[in-house]
Amino acid sequence: MVPVDQLAEFRRQLLGWFRQFQRDLPWRRTKDPYRIWLSEIMLQQTRVAAAIPYYERFLLRFPDIHSLAEAPPDEVLRLWSGLGYYSRARNLQQAAQQIAATHAGVFPSTYADTLALPGIGAYTVAAVLSIAFGAKHAVLDGNVARVIARIGAIRGDLREGRRWQSLQIFADNLLDEKAPGDWNQAMMELGATLCTPRSPECLHCPVSQFCEARKLGTQERIPEKRKKRASVEITLAAAVLVDAQGQTLLLSPPGKSNTKTAADDVARLVSQMWHFPTISVKRNAEAELHQFLAKLFPGKVSKSFRLKRLRKAKHSVTYRDITIFPFRVSLKKLPKAASGQSEIKIVPLSGVSSVTVSNLTRKVARVAEQFHAQSLESLIDRR
């Protein structure tokens, strides 16, 4: 990788660059392991710029592990709403509860105890313990793997099991044990800002002289592109029931299934949160949704429903490409669900986002709100 006699210089140049040019991020102003841990969980699958306002709002409400552990789960999800991948928030609270119960609310400082927490893997352990406690653990995430692969001109799928293990060994050997926290952040910062997936800025790289890929002119082709999982097309239909006062109803979060779920499983797609009556469509969105509503609201009530098709919405979750057909149902009074069916929450259509809902549900609400606003404008114009 980097010759032993050049390793000290490699470390000196990278750390010097980081200390001079690092981005000013809120979680870099603290050594509190709780705050560092929160930032690492939020930054999984989320860009830095998008994560910052969520991070700051979350800490205002949950400034420490105890407050997070004791909070109502709905409130945790509400403050996470919009970040997506909601299992992160659920695991975060479960881990906080475990820390409160097992470690008196003090974030553990050992590798084994930290790894035992829900939602935490080897990367997160290394990041939190090195930055907060100066522990000598090297991180390996996508950014760091790309930097190492280019330095060593390593080809192939970096996520392949044995190759990933080799990359971890390289990361361990490069680690500056005198400043492991800064070192790990420097490697991640290099990958995030200069050694990017496309068009790496080699001219500004502080360690370009050590990069084998640049010497070979292969930096644009390393790492090799991974084969993406084939996308699955999914069609949903959602009913937005609205009464004369502009209120709508949401169904309670679906229970989690212990069995393997299909790609179009509605509970998974709405992130097990409050949602509009929603179904997976096989053939006819309107007819199938009407049948679903008849079961949900049996009797004469649902027979009078008139479904108004609204503008379709698009949504993506990992490999799923989702088309949603929202239908508006205008009613004088919102119905009650049948006994044994989902619980119902009544909220203003304009206030759906104040409830713990997924981005998918939020998109449906936005379409319905736009239609509602346009309808009001038409009424005013006719007057």
Protein backbone atom coordinates (compact mmCIF):
# COMPACT_ATOMS: atom_id res chain seq x y z
CA MET A 1 0.00 0.00 0.00
CA VAL A 2 2.22 2.86 1.27
CA PRO A 3 5.87 1.85 1.85
CA VAL A 4 6.81 1.76 5.52
CA ASP A 5 9.52 4.41 5.09
CA GLN A 6 6.94 6.79 3.54
CA LEU A 7 4.08 6.13 5.94
CA ALA A 8 5.01 8.90 8.41
CA GLU A 9 5.03 11.47 5.58
CA PHE A 10 1.72 10.17 4.23
CA ARG A 11 0.13 10.61 7.64
CA ARG A 12 1.67 14.03 8.19
CA GLN A 13 0.40 15.38 4.88
CA LEU A 14 -3.11 14.02 5.22
CA LEU A 15 -3.57 15.18 8.82
CA GLY A 16 -2.11 18.60 8.00
CA TRP A 17 -4.58 18.99 5.13
CA PHE A 18 -7.50 17.88 7.29
CA ARG A 19 -6.70 20.22 10.15
CA GLN A 20 -6.49 23.14 7.76
CA PHE A 21 -9.34 22.43 5.36
CA GLN A 22 -11.89 20.28 7.21
CA ARG A 23 -15.52 21.32 6.96
CA ASP A 24 -16.99 22.98 10.05
CA LEU A 25 -19.63 20.42 11.04
CA PRO A 26 -21.58 20.55 14.34
CA TRP A 27 -20.55 17.05 15.45
CA ARG A 28 -16.89 18.00 15.03
CA ARG A 29 -17.20 20.54 17.83
CA THR A 30 -17.69 17.91 20.52
CA LYS A 31 -16.22 14.76 22.04
CA ASP A 32 -19.59 13.68 23.45
CA PRO A 33 -20.00 10.07 22.24
CA TYR A 34 -23.80 10.43 22.18
CA ARG A 35 -23.65 13.32 19.72
CA ILE A 36 -20.97 11.66 17.60
CA TRP A 37 -22.99 8.44 17.54
CA LEU A 38 -26.15 10.33 16.53
CA SER A 39 -24.31 12.02 13.66
CA GLU A 40 -22.91 8.71 12.40
CA ILE A 41 -26.34 7.09 12.38
CA MET A 42 -27.92 10.07 10.62
CA LEU A 43 -25.18 10.16 7.99
CA GLN A 44 -25.91 6.59 6.94
CA GLN A 45 -27.70 6.94 3.57
CA THR A 46 -28.01 10.73 4.11
CA ARG A 47 -25.98 13.65 2.77
CA VAL A 48 -24.24 15.94 5.27
CA ALA A 49 -26.19 19.05 4.22
CA ALA A 50 -29.50 17.23 4.64
CA ALA A 51 -28.54 15.72 8.01
CA ILE A 52 -27.43 18.92 9.80
CA PRO A 53 -30.87 20.50 10.47
CA TYR A 54 -32.26 17.14 11.63
CA TYR A 55 -29.25 16.66 13.90
CA GLU A 56 -29.72 20.06 15.51
CA ARG A 57 -33.49 19.68 15.98
CA PHE A 58 -33.08 16.16 17.38
CA LEU A 59 -30.59 17.33 20.00
CA LEU A 60 -32.83 20.19 21.09
CA ARG A 61 -35.49 17.65 22.03
CA PHE A 62 -33.20 14.77 23.07
CA PRO A 63 -30.02 16.36 24.47
CA ASP A 64 -28.80 13.15 26.11
CA ILE A 65 -29.22 9.39 26.15
CA HIS A 66 -31.75 9.37 29.00
CA SER A 67 -34.13 11.79 27.26
CA LEU A 68 -33.99 9.70 24.08
CA ALA A 69 -34.49 6.42 25.96
CA GLU A 70 -37.57 7.72 27.80
CA ALA A 71 -39.24 9.47 24.84
CA PRO A 72 -42.46 8.21 23.20
CA PRO A 73 -41.42 6.26 20.07
CA ASP A 74 -43.82 8.34 17.94
CA GLU A 75 -42.01 11.51 18.93
CA VAL A 76 -38.62 10.05 17.98
CA LEU A 77 -39.98 9.03 14.58
CA ARG A 78 -41.65 12.42 14.10
CA LEU A 79 -38.32 14.22 14.55
CA TRP A 80 -36.69 11.71 12.20
CA SER A 81 -39.47 12.02 9.63
CA GLY A 82 -38.03 13.07 6.28
CA LEU A 83 -34.64 11.42 6.75
CA GLY A 84 -35.93 8.04 5.64
CA TYR A 85 -34.65 4.57 6.58
CA TYR A 86 -36.64 4.76 9.80
CA SER A 87 -35.19 1.57 11.25
CA ARG A 88 -32.20 3.78 12.10
CA ALA A 89 -34.35 5.86 14.46
CA ARG A 90 -35.97 2.79 16.01
CA ASN A 91 -32.57 1.16 16.58
CA LEU A 92 -31.20 4.43 17.93
CA GLN A 93 -33.86 4.57 20.64
CA GLN A 94 -33.53 0.87 21.43
CA ALA A 95 -29.78 1.33 21.83
CA ALA A 96 -30.35 4.35 24.10
CA GLN A 97 -32.68 2.24 26.24
CA GLN A 98 -30.07 -0.51 26.41
CA ILE A 99 -27.38 2.00 27.42
CA ALA A 100 -29.69 3.45 30.09
CA ALA A 101 -30.48 0.00 31.47
CA THR A 102 -27.03 -1.60 31.20
CA HIS A 103 -24.57 1.30 31.41
CA ALA A 104 -26.45 3.82 33.58
CA GLY A 105 -26.94 6.09 30.58
CA VAL A 106 -23.21 6.40 29.86
CA PHE A 107 -22.15 5.51 26.32
CA PRO A 108 -19.87 2.44 26.51
CA SER A 109 -16.18 2.92 25.73
CA THR A 110 -15.30 -0.68 24.85
CA TYR A 111 -15.55 -2.28 21.43
CA ALA A 112 -17.59 -5.30 22.55
CA ASP A 113 -20.15 -3.29 24.55
CA THR A 114 -20.64 -0.80 21.73
CA LEU A 115 -20.96 -3.47 19.06
CA ALA A 116 -23.68 -5.15 21.16
CA LEU A 117 -25.98 -2.13 20.75
CA PRO A 118 -28.86 -2.32 18.23
CA GLY A 119 -28.13 -0.78 14.83
CA ILE A 120 -24.37 -0.49 15.37
CA GLY A 121 -21.81 -2.26 13.20
CA ALA A 122 -18.03 -2.33 12.98
CA TYR A 123 -17.78 0.99 11.15
CA THR A 124 -19.91 2.91 13.67
CA VAL A 125 -18.02 1.39 16.60
CA ALA A 126 -14.68 2.46 15.12
CA ALA A 127 -15.92 5.96 14.29
CA VAL A 128 -17.50 6.74 17.67
CA LEU A 129 -14.80 5.19 19.86
CA SER A 130 -11.89 6.72 17.93
CA ILE A 131 -13.38 10.22 17.77
CA ALA A 132 -14.88 10.33 21.28
CA PHE A 133 -12.32 8.29 23.23
CA GLY A 134 -9.20 8.18 21.03
CA ALA A 135 -9.51 4.40 20.65
CA LYS A 136 -7.19 2.87 18.05
CA HIS A 137 -9.76 1.56 15.58
CA ALA A 138 -9.64 2.33 11.85
CA VAL A 139 -12.94 3.06 10.10
CA LEU A 140 -13.88 1.54 6.78
CA ASP A 141 -16.85 2.95 4.93
CA GLY A 142 -17.49 3.66 1.26
CA ASN A 143 -15.42 6.85 1.23
CA VAL A 144 -12.44 5.30 2.98
CA ALA A 145 -12.62 2.16 0.84
CA ARG A 146 -12.48 4.28 -2.31
CA VAL A 147 -9.46 6.23 -1.07
CA ILE A 148 -7.58 3.03 -0.18
CA ALA A 149 -8.54 1.34 -3.44
CA ARG A 150 -7.11 4.23 -5.46
CA ILE A 151 -3.97 4.51 -3.36
CA GLY A 152 -3.31 0.80 -3.90
CA ALA A 153 -4.84 0.58 -7.42
CA ILE A 154 -7.14 -2.18 -6.16
CA ARG A 155 -9.60 -3.46 -8.74
CA GLY A 156 -12.78 -5.47 -8.42
CA ASP A 157 -15.91 -5.19 -6.31
CA LEU A 158 -14.77 -3.54 -3.09
CA ARG A 159 -17.75 -4.94 -1.17
CA GLU A 160 -16.84 -8.54 -1.99
CA GLY A 161 -16.22 -10.29 1.34
CA ARG A 162 -12.51 -11.08 1.14
CA ARG A 163 -11.66 -7.84 -0.62
CA TRP A 164 -13.48 -5.82 2.05
CA GLN A 165 -11.53 -7.69 4.73
CA SER A 166 -8.28 -6.81 2.93
CA LEU A 167 -9.31 -3.17 2.78
CA GLN A 168 -9.90 -3.22 6.54
CA ILE A 169 -6.37 -4.57 7.04
CA PHE A 170 -4.99 -1.76 4.84
CA ALA A 171 -7.02 0.78 6.85
CA ASP A 172 -5.64 -0.65 10.10
CA ASN A 173 -2.06 -0.36 8.80
CA LEU A 174 -2.54 3.24 7.67
CA LEU A 175 -4.11 4.37 10.95
CA ASP A 176 -2.20 7.04 12.83
CA GLU A 177 -2.44 5.67 16.36
CA LYS A 178 -1.34 9.00 17.84
CA ALA A 179 -4.50 10.70 16.54
CA PRO A 180 -7.00 7.98 15.52
CA GLY A 181 -10.05 10.24 15.69
CA ASP A 182 -8.58 12.92 13.45
CA TRP A 183 -7.11 10.28 11.18
CA ASN A 184 -10.42 8.52 10.59
CA GLN A 185 -12.15 11.82 9.93
CA ALA A 186 -9.36 12.85 7.55
CA MET A 187 -9.74 9.67 5.51
CA MET A 188 -13.50 10.11 5.34
CA GLU A 189 -13.17 13.81 4.52
CA LEU A 190 -10.75 13.08 1.69
CA GLY A 191 -13.19 10.61 0.16
CA ALA A 192 -16.16 12.91 0.61
CA THR A 193 -14.62 16.11 -0.77
CA LEU A 194 -11.71 15.33 -3.13
CA CYS A 195 -11.41 11.60 -3.82
CA THR A 196 -15.02 11.46 -4.97
CA PRO A 197 -16.62 8.65 -7.01
CA ARG A 198 -16.54 10.74 -10.18
CA SER A 199 -13.96 13.29 -11.29
CA PRO A 200 -11.58 13.05 -8.30
CA GLU A 201 -9.68 16.29 -7.70
CA CYS A 202 -6.20 14.78 -7.78
CA LEU A 203 -4.48 18.14 -8.22
CA HIS A 204 -5.73 19.23 -4.78
CA CYS A 205 -5.19 15.90 -3.04
CA PRO A 206 -2.63 16.13 -0.22
CA VAL A 207 -1.45 12.54 -0.76
CA SER A 208 -1.66 12.22 -4.56
CA GLN A 209 2.06 11.43 -4.74
CA PHE A 210 1.34 8.13 -2.98
CA CYS A 211 -1.59 7.16 -5.24
CA GLU A 212 -0.89 4.21 -7.54
CA ALA A 213 -4.15 4.68 -9.46
CA ARG A 214 -3.16 8.22 -10.38
CA LYS A 215 0.28 7.05 -11.52
CA LEU A 216 -1.42 4.47 -13.75
CA GLY A 217 -4.11 6.89 -14.90
CA THR A 218 -6.86 4.59 -13.61
CA GLN A 219 -8.30 6.78 -10.84
CA GLU A 220 -11.52 7.31 -12.84
CA ARG A 221 -12.02 3.55 -13.23
CA ILE A 222 -11.39 2.64 -9.59
CA PRO A 223 -13.39 1.47 -7.82
CA GLU A 224 -15.23 -0.60 -10.39
CA LYS A 225 -18.98 -0.06 -10.56
CA ARG A 226 -21.01 -2.59 -8.62
CA LYS A 227 -23.78 -4.48 -10.35
CA LYS A 228 -27.00 -2.90 -9.20
CA ARG A 229 -29.94 -4.99 -8.12
CA ALA A 230 -32.62 -4.96 -10.79
CA SER A 231 -35.29 -2.40 -9.94
CA VAL A 232 -38.83 -3.51 -9.17
CA GLU A 233 -41.81 -1.51 -10.42
CA ILE A 234 -44.54 -1.17 -7.80
CA THR A 235 -47.94 0.49 -8.11
CA LEU A 236 -49.89 1.73 -5.10
CA ALA A 237 -53.24 3.41 -4.68
CA ALA A 238 -54.00 5.67 -1.71
CA ALA A 239 -57.30 7.15 -0.54
CA VAL A 240 -57.34 10.67 0.86
CA LEU A 241 -60.67 11.07 2.64
CA VAL A 242 -61.47 14.74 3.29
CA ASP A 243 -64.46 16.15 5.18
CA ALA A 244 -66.14 19.55 4.90
CA GLN A 245 -63.71 21.06 7.44
CA GLY A 246 -60.64 19.96 5.43
CA GLN A 247 -59.76 17.14 7.81
CA THR A 248 -58.46 13.76 6.68
CA LEU A 249 -57.86 10.42 8.33
CA LEU A 250 -54.75 8.30 8.68
CA LEU A 251 -54.48 4.64 9.60
CA SER A 252 -52.31 3.50 12.48
CA PRO A 253 -48.80 2.13 11.85
CA PRO A 254 -48.98 -1.45 10.52
CA GLY A 255 -47.49 -4.13 12.72
CA LYS A 256 -44.11 -5.59 11.83
CA SER A 257 -44.24 -9.05 10.30
CA ASN A 258 -41.80 -11.76 11.37
CA THR A 259 -42.02 -13.41 7.97
CA LYS A 260 -40.25 -12.36 4.81
CA THR A 261 -42.27 -9.62 3.13
CA ALA A 262 -42.85 -8.98 -0.56
CA ALA A 263 -41.33 -6.00 -2.33
CA ASP A 264 -44.76 -4.34 -2.50
CA ASP A 265 -45.61 -4.86 1.18
CA VAL A 266 -47.44 -1.68 2.18
CA ALA A 267 -46.34 -1.81 5.83
CA ARG A 268 -42.71 -1.70 4.77
CA LEU A 269 -43.29 0.98 2.13
CA VAL A 270 -44.97 3.35 4.60
CA SER A 271 -42.15 2.65 7.07
CA GLN A 272 -44.61 1.28 9.64
CA MET A 273 -45.98 4.76 10.27
CA TRP A 274 -49.34 6.52 10.11
CA HIS A 275 -50.56 6.49 6.53
CA PHE A 276 -53.51 7.02 4.21
CA PRO A 277 -55.52 3.89 3.35
CA THR A 278 -53.10 2.38 0.85
CA ILE A 279 -52.97 -0.83 -1.19
CA SER A 280 -50.68 -2.50 -3.67
CA VAL A 281 -52.38 -2.49 -7.07
CA LYS A 282 -52.52 -5.55 -9.31
CA ARG A 283 -54.61 -4.30 -12.23
CA ASN A 284 -57.21 -1.58 -11.60
CA ALA A 285 -56.23 1.04 -9.03
CA GLU A 286 -59.68 2.58 -8.58
CA ALA A 287 -61.65 -0.68 -8.39
CA GLU A 288 -59.19 -2.38 -6.03
CA LEU A 289 -59.00 0.65 -3.75
CA HIS A 290 -62.80 0.83 -3.63
CA GLN A 291 -62.94 -2.83 -2.55
CA PHE A 292 -60.35 -2.16 0.16
CA LEU A 293 -62.31 0.83 1.48
CA ALA A 294 -65.50 -1.25 1.55
CA LYS A 295 -63.81 -3.73 3.91
CA LEU A 296 -62.25 -0.97 5.99
CA PHE A 297 -65.52 1.00 6.26
CA PRO A 298 -68.32 -1.57 5.81
CA GLY A 299 -71.95 -0.71 5.28
CA LYS A 300 -73.68 2.04 3.37
CA VAL A 301 -70.94 4.60 4.05
CA SER A 302 -68.34 3.23 1.66
CA LYS A 303 -70.91 2.52 -1.06
CA SER A 304 -71.40 6.25 -1.47
CA PHE A 305 -67.67 6.95 -1.87
CA ARG A 306 -66.78 8.71 -5.10
CA LEU A 307 -63.09 8.41 -5.87
CA LYS A 308 -61.53 11.39 -7.64
CA ARG A 309 -58.21 10.45 -9.26
CA LEU A 310 -55.47 12.97 -8.49
CA ARG A 311 -52.07 13.53 -10.04
CA LYS A 312 -49.85 10.49 -9.64
CA ALA A 313 -46.72 10.64 -7.51
CA LYS A 314 -43.37 8.90 -7.77
CA HIS A 315 -41.28 7.51 -4.95
CA SER A 316 -38.16 5.35 -4.69
CA VAL A 317 -36.97 3.10 -1.87
CA THR A 318 -33.69 1.23 -2.50
CA TYR A 319 -34.46 -0.98 -5.53
CA ARG A 320 -38.19 -0.20 -5.61
CA ASP A 321 -39.58 2.33 -8.11
CA ILE A 322 -43.03 3.21 -6.84
CA THR A 323 -45.90 4.88 -8.69
CA ILE A 324 -48.68 6.08 -6.39
CA PHE A 325 -52.19 6.88 -7.59
CA PRO A 326 -53.87 9.08 -4.96
CA PHE A 327 -57.67 9.34 -4.94
CA ARG A 328 -59.60 12.04 -3.11
CA VAL A 329 -62.88 11.11 -1.43
CA SER A 330 -64.91 14.18 -0.42
CA LEU A 331 -67.29 13.54 2.49
CA LYS A 332 -69.47 15.53 4.87
CA LYS A 333 -68.19 13.44 7.75
CA LEU A 334 -65.24 11.08 8.04
CA PRO A 335 -66.20 7.44 8.70
CA LYS A 336 -65.15 5.15 11.51
CA ALA A 337 -63.21 1.99 10.80
CA ALA A 338 -64.77 -1.40 11.38
CA SER A 339 -64.18 -3.13 14.69
CA GLY A 340 -60.85 -4.92 14.71
CA GLN A 341 -59.48 -2.78 11.88
CA SER A 342 -56.74 -0.15 12.09
CA GLU A 343 -56.98 2.72 14.52
CA ILE A 344 -57.66 6.11 12.97
CA LYS A 345 -56.14 9.52 13.54
CA ILE A 346 -58.04 12.60 12.36
CA VAL A 347 -55.84 15.52 11.31
CA PRO A 348 -56.14 18.56 9.04
CA LEU A 349 -55.04 17.70 5.53
CA SER A 350 -52.56 20.56 5.79
CA GLY A 351 -51.18 19.12 9.03
CA VAL A 352 -50.33 15.57 7.94
CA SER A 353 -46.60 16.29 8.22
CA SER A 354 -47.02 17.02 11.94
CA VAL A 355 -47.73 13.31 12.43
CA THR A 356 -45.13 10.54 12.20
CA VAL A 357 -45.50 9.75 8.51
CA SER A 358 -43.10 8.52 5.84
CA ASN A 359 -41.93 10.48 2.82
CA LEU A 360 -44.28 8.39 0.69
CA THR A 361 -47.30 9.48 2.74
CA ARG A 362 -46.06 13.06 2.74
CA LYS A 363 -45.97 13.04 -1.08
CA VAL A 364 -49.56 11.80 -1.25
CA ALA A 365 -50.62 14.55 1.16
CA ARG A 366 -48.83 17.16 -0.93
CA VAL A 367 -50.70 16.11 -4.09
CA ALA A 368 -54.03 16.19 -2.24
CA GLU A 369 -53.28 19.59 -0.72
CA GLN A 370 -52.47 21.05 -4.14
CA PHE A 371 -55.76 19.74 -5.51
CA HIS A 372 -57.63 21.12 -2.47
CA ALA A 373 -56.06 24.56 -2.96
CA GLN A 374 -56.87 24.57 -6.67
CA SER A 375 -60.49 23.59 -5.92
CA LEU A 376 -60.86 26.47 -3.47
CA GLU A 377 -59.45 28.90 -6.05
CA SER A 378 -61.97 27.65 -8.63
CA LEU A 379 -64.85 28.21 -6.22
CA ILE A 380 -63.67 31.75 -5.50
CA ASP A 381 -63.30 32.48 -9.24
CA ARG A 382 -66.85 31.26 -9.94
CA ARG A 383 -68.19 33.59 -7.28
